[in-house]
PDB file of N, CA and C in Angstrom:
ATOM      1  N   UNK A   1    -216.441-164.489 168.909  1.00  0.00           N
ATOM      2  CA  UNK A   1    -215.249-164.865 170.079  1.00  0.00           C
ATOM      3  C   UNK A   1    -216.014-164.384 171.574  1.00  0.00           C
ATOM      4  N   UNK A   2    -216.312-165.313 172.291  1.00  0.00           N
ATOM      5  CA  UNK A   2    -216.802-165.035 173.494  1.00  0.00           C
ATOM      6  C   UNK A   2    -215.965-163.899 174.364  1.00  0.00           C
ATOM      7  N   UNK A   3    -214.598-163.796 174.304  1.00  0.00           N
ATOM      8  CA  UNK A   3    -213.890-162.862 175.464  1.00  0.00           C
ATOM      9  C   UNK A   3    -214.136-161.489 174.577  1.00  0.00           C
ATOM     10  N   UNK A   4    -214.097-161.196 173.696  1.00  0.00           N
ATOM     11  CA  UNK A   4    -214.429-160.060 172.469  1.00  0.00           C
ATOM     12  C   UNK A   4    -215.991-159.565 173.077  1.00  0.00           C
ATOM     13  N   UNK A   5    -216.747-160.571 173.022  1.00  0.00           N
ATOM     14  CA  UNK A   5    -218.177-160.080 173.085  1.00  0.00           C
ATOM     15  C   UNK A   5    -217.987-159.682 174.674  1.00  0.00           C
ATOM     16  N   UNK A   6    -217.605-160.098 175.452  1.00  0.00           N
ATOM     17  CA  UNK A   6    -217.356-159.744 177.199  1.00  0.00           C
ATOM     18  C   UNK A   6    -216.996-158.653 177.048  1.00  0.00           C
ATOM     19  N   UNK A   7    -215.692-158.665 176.461  1.00  0.00           N
ATOM     20  CA  UNK A   7    -214.941-156.910 176.581  1.00  0.00           C
ATOM     21  C   UNK A   7    -215.754-155.885 175.898  1.00  0.00           C
ATOM     22  N   UNK A   8    -216.454-156.171 175.002  1.00  0.00           N
ATOM     23  CA  UNK A   8    -217.673-154.963 174.396  1.00  0.00           C
ATOM     24  C   UNK A   8    -218.948-154.881 175.449  1.00  0.00           C
ATOM     25  N   UNK A   9    -219.287-155.706 175.901  1.00  0.00           N
ATOM     26  CA  UNK A   9    -220.538-155.621 176.903  1.00  0.00           C
ATOM     27  C   UNK A   9    -219.961-154.813 178.188  1.00  0.00           C
ATOM     28  N   UNK A  10    -218.673-155.134 178.626  1.00  0.00           N
ATOM     29  CA  UNK A  10    -218.123-154.420 179.766  1.00  0.00           C
ATOM     30  C   UNK A  10    -218.214-152.783 179.354  1.00  0.00           C
ATOM     31  N   UNK A  11    -216.995-152.734 178.328  1.00  0.00           N
ATOM     32  CA  UNK A  11    -216.846-151.098 177.584  1.00  0.00           C
ATOM     33  C   UNK A  11    -218.240-150.348 177.527  1.00  0.00           C
ATOM     34  N   UNK A  12    -219.030-151.240 176.814  1.00  0.00           N
ATOM     35  CA  UNK A  12    -220.584-150.286 176.803  1.00  0.00           C
ATOM     36  C   UNK A  12    -221.275-149.990 178.048  1.00  0.00           C
ATOM     37  N   UNK A  13    -220.951-150.739 178.993  1.00  0.00           N
ATOM     38  CA  UNK A  13    -222.000-150.456 179.872  1.00  0.00           C
ATOM     39  C   UNK A  13    -220.786-149.382 180.782  1.00  0.00           C
ATOM     40  N   UNK A  14    -219.542-149.407 180.940  1.00  0.00           N
ATOM     41  CA  UNK A  14    -218.809-148.494 181.883  1.00  0.00           C
ATOM     42  C   UNK A  14    -218.112-147.316 181.228  1.00  0.00           C
ATOM     43  N   UNK A  15    -217.777-147.193 179.954  1.00  0.00           N
ATOM     44  CA  UNK A  15    -216.890-146.434 179.125  1.00  0.00           C
ATOM     45  C   UNK A  15    -218.014-145.949 178.270  1.00  0.00           C
ATOM     46  N   UNK A  16    -218.306-144.399 178.019  1.00  0.00           N
ATOM     47  CA  UNK A  16    -219.152-143.884 176.942  1.00  0.00           C
ATOM     48  C   UNK A  16    -218.200-143.797 175.903  1.00  0.00           C
ATOM     49  N   UNK A  17    -218.811-143.428 174.646  1.00  0.00           N
ATOM     50  CA  UNK A  17    -218.003-143.343 173.410  1.00  0.00           C
ATOM     51  C   UNK A  17    -217.403-144.538 173.151  1.00  0.00           C
ATOM     52  N   UNK A  18    -217.390-145.748 173.320  1.00  0.00           N
ATOM     53  CA  UNK A  18    -216.594-147.065 173.018  1.00  0.00           C
ATOM     54  C   UNK A  18    -217.028-147.662 171.663  1.00  0.00           C
ATOM     55  N   UNK A  19    -217.623-147.126 170.869  1.00  0.00           N
ATOM     56  CA  UNK A  19    -218.085-147.687 169.812  1.00  0.00           C
ATOM     57  C   UNK A  19    -216.938-148.034 168.721  1.00  0.00           C
ATOM     58  N   UNK A  20    -216.087-147.209 168.617  1.00  0.00           N
ATOM     59  CA  UNK A  20    -214.866-147.364 167.809  1.00  0.00           C
ATOM     60  C   UNK A  20    -213.990-148.909 168.337  1.00  0.00           C
ATOM     61  N   UNK A  21    -214.321-149.143 169.807  1.00  0.00           N
ATOM     62  CA  UNK A  21    -213.717-150.266 170.164  1.00  0.00           C
ATOM     63  C   UNK A  21    -214.208-151.655 169.829  1.00  0.00           C
ATOM     64  N   UNK A  22    -215.468-151.667 169.568  1.00  0.00           N
ATOM     65  CA  UNK A  22    -216.409-152.491 169.226  1.00  0.00           C
ATOM     66  C   UNK A  22    -216.067-152.958 167.766  1.00  0.00           C
ATOM     67  N   UNK A  23    -215.889-151.726 166.773  1.00  0.00           N
ATOM     68  CA  UNK A  23    -215.388-151.761 165.471  1.00  0.00           C
ATOM     69  C   UNK A  23    -214.133-152.649 165.159  1.00  0.00           C
ATOM     70  N   UNK A  24    -213.175-152.368 165.915  1.00  0.00           N
ATOM     71  CA  UNK A  24    -211.934-153.049 165.909  1.00  0.00           C
ATOM     72  C   UNK A  24    -211.702-154.432 166.514  1.00  0.00           C
ATOM     73  N   UNK A  25    -212.861-154.818 167.401  1.00  0.00           N
ATOM     74  CA  UNK A  25    -213.029-156.024 167.863  1.00  0.00           C
ATOM     75  C   UNK A  25    -213.467-156.922 166.691  1.00  0.00           C
ATOM     76  N   UNK A  26    -214.736-156.165 166.300  1.00  0.00           N
ATOM     77  CA  UNK A  26    -215.418-157.038 165.350  1.00  0.00           C
ATOM     78  C   UNK A  26    -214.474-157.263 164.078  1.00  0.00           C
ATOM     79  N   UNK A  27    -213.781-156.199 163.633  1.00  0.00           N
ATOM     80  CA  UNK A  27    -212.936-156.412 162.289  1.00  0.00           C
ATOM     81  C   UNK A  27    -211.848-157.675 162.766  1.00  0.00           C
ATOM     82  N   UNK A  28    -211.146-157.455 163.921  1.00  0.00           N
ATOM     83  CA  UNK A  28    -210.374-158.803 164.393  1.00  0.00           C
ATOM     84  C   UNK A  28    -211.174-160.198 164.421  1.00  0.00           C
ATOM     85  N   UNK A  29    -212.109-160.203 164.950  1.00  0.00           N
ATOM     86  CA  UNK A  29    -213.048-161.438 164.800  1.00  0.00           C
ATOM     87  C   UNK A  29    -213.474-161.828 163.154  1.00  0.00           C
ATOM     88  N   UNK A  30    -213.553-160.660 162.142  1.00  0.00           N
ATOM     89  CA  UNK A  30    -214.190-161.132 160.825  1.00  0.00           C
ATOM     90  C   UNK A  30    -212.798-161.453 160.126  1.00  0.00           C
ATOM     91  N   UNK A  31    -211.647-161.329 160.707  1.00  0.00           N
ATOM     92  CA  UNK A  31    -210.331-161.561 159.987  1.00  0.00           C
ATOM     93  C   UNK A  31    -209.611-162.756 160.801  1.00  0.00           C
ATOM     94  N   UNK A  32    -210.662-163.461 161.414  1.00  0.00           N
ATOM     95  CA  UNK A  32    -210.257-164.600 162.524  1.00  0.00           C
ATOM     96  C   UNK A  32    -208.927-164.398 163.161  1.00  0.00           C
ATOM     97  N   UNK A  33    -208.654-163.376 163.869  1.00  0.00           N
ATOM     98  CA  UNK A  33    -207.612-163.182 164.719  1.00  0.00           C
ATOM     99  C   UNK A  33    -207.819-163.942 165.763  1.00  0.00           C
ATOM    100  N   UNK A  34    -206.710-164.487 166.408  1.00  0.00           N
ATOM    101  CA  UNK A  34    -206.566-165.403 167.447  1.00  0.00           C
ATOM    102  C   UNK A  34    -206.591-164.408 168.616  1.00  0.00           C
ATOM    103  N   UNK A  35    -206.042-163.015 168.847  1.00  0.00           N
ATOM    104  CA  UNK A  35    -205.968-162.240 169.674  1.00  0.00           C
ATOM    105  C   UNK A  35    -205.873-160.867 169.225  1.00  0.00           C
ATOM    106  N   UNK A  36    -205.674-160.163 169.803  1.00  0.00           N
ATOM    107  CA  UNK A  36    -205.516-158.523 169.904  1.00  0.00           C
ATOM    108  C   UNK A  36    -205.260-157.700 171.046  1.00  0.00           C
ATOM    109  N   UNK A  37    -204.188-156.801 171.063  1.00  0.00           N
ATOM    110  CA  UNK A  37    -203.689-156.274 172.278  1.00  0.00           C
ATOM    111  C   UNK A  37    -203.753-155.018 172.378  1.00  0.00           C
ATOM    112  N   UNK A  38    -204.402-154.566 173.301  1.00  0.00           N
ATOM    113  CA  UNK A  38    -204.317-152.580 173.621  1.00  0.00           C
ATOM    114  C   UNK A  38    -203.775-152.457 174.620  1.00  0.00           C
ATOM    115  N   UNK A  39    -202.967-151.290 174.424  1.00  0.00           N
ATOM    116  CA  UNK A  39    -202.333-150.940 175.396  1.00  0.00           C
ATOM    117  C   UNK A  39    -202.490-149.635 175.537  1.00  0.00           C
ATOM    118  N   UNK A  40    -202.999-148.833 177.109  1.00  0.00           N
ATOM    119  CA  UNK A  40    -203.608-147.819 177.418  1.00  0.00           C
ATOM    120  C   UNK A  40    -202.786-147.119 178.141  1.00  0.00           C
ATOM    121  N   UNK A  41    -202.493-145.946 177.702  1.00  0.00           N
ATOM    122  CA  UNK A  41    -201.261-145.241 178.867  1.00  0.00           C
ATOM    123  C   UNK A  41    -202.201-143.650 179.039  1.00  0.00           C
ATOM    124  N   UNK A  42    -201.195-142.651 179.956  1.00  0.00           N
ATOM    125  CA  UNK A  42    -201.820-141.465 179.648  1.00  0.00           C
ATOM    126  C   UNK A  42    -202.307-140.828 178.834  1.00  0.00           C
ATOM    127  N   UNK A  43    -201.790-141.040 177.587  1.00  0.00           N
ATOM    128  CA  UNK A  43    -201.897-140.152 176.236  1.00  0.00           C
ATOM    129  C   UNK A  43    -202.273-140.735 175.273  1.00  0.00           C
ATOM    130  N   UNK A  44    -202.301-142.136 175.194  1.00  0.00           N
ATOM    131  CA  UNK A  44    -203.043-143.089 173.934  1.00  0.00           C
ATOM    132  C   UNK A  44    -203.329-144.205 174.082  1.00  0.00           C
ATOM    133  N   UNK A  45    -203.905-144.757 173.233  1.00  0.00           N
ATOM    134  CA  UNK A  45    -204.621-145.960 173.191  1.00  0.00           C
ATOM    135  C   UNK A  45    -203.738-146.790 171.982  1.00  0.00           C
ATOM    136  N   UNK A  46    -203.075-147.610 172.309  1.00  0.00           N
ATOM    137  CA  UNK A  46    -202.304-148.472 171.046  1.00  0.00           C
ATOM    138  C   UNK A  46    -202.905-149.953 171.006  1.00  0.00           C
ATOM    139  N   UNK A  47    -202.757-150.105 169.665  1.00  0.00           N
ATOM    140  CA  UNK A  47    -203.361-151.452 169.348  1.00  0.00           C
ATOM    141  C   UNK A  47    -202.130-152.462 168.475  1.00  0.00           C
ATOM    142  N   UNK A  48    -202.201-153.971 168.923  1.00  0.00           N
ATOM    143  CA  UNK A  48    -201.166-154.735 168.366  1.00  0.00           C
ATOM    144  C   UNK A  48    -201.982-155.908 168.348  1.00  0.00           C
ATOM    145  N   UNK A  49    -201.286-157.003 168.195  1.00  0.00           N
ATOM    146  CA  UNK A  49    -201.670-158.148 167.936  1.00  0.00           C
ATOM    147  C   UNK A  49    -200.493-159.098 168.299  1.00  0.00           C
TER     148      UNK A  49
END
């Protein structure tokens, strides 16, 4: 999915230690997910669909 690829490229360039996010996006792509949602606040990163 092009959107996930663009997100990964951004994260890789600007945020260190983001490999786990790539894995989440890859898993969603493998599962043919139509969307994935990340919610970031001061204390945690939440994921949903």
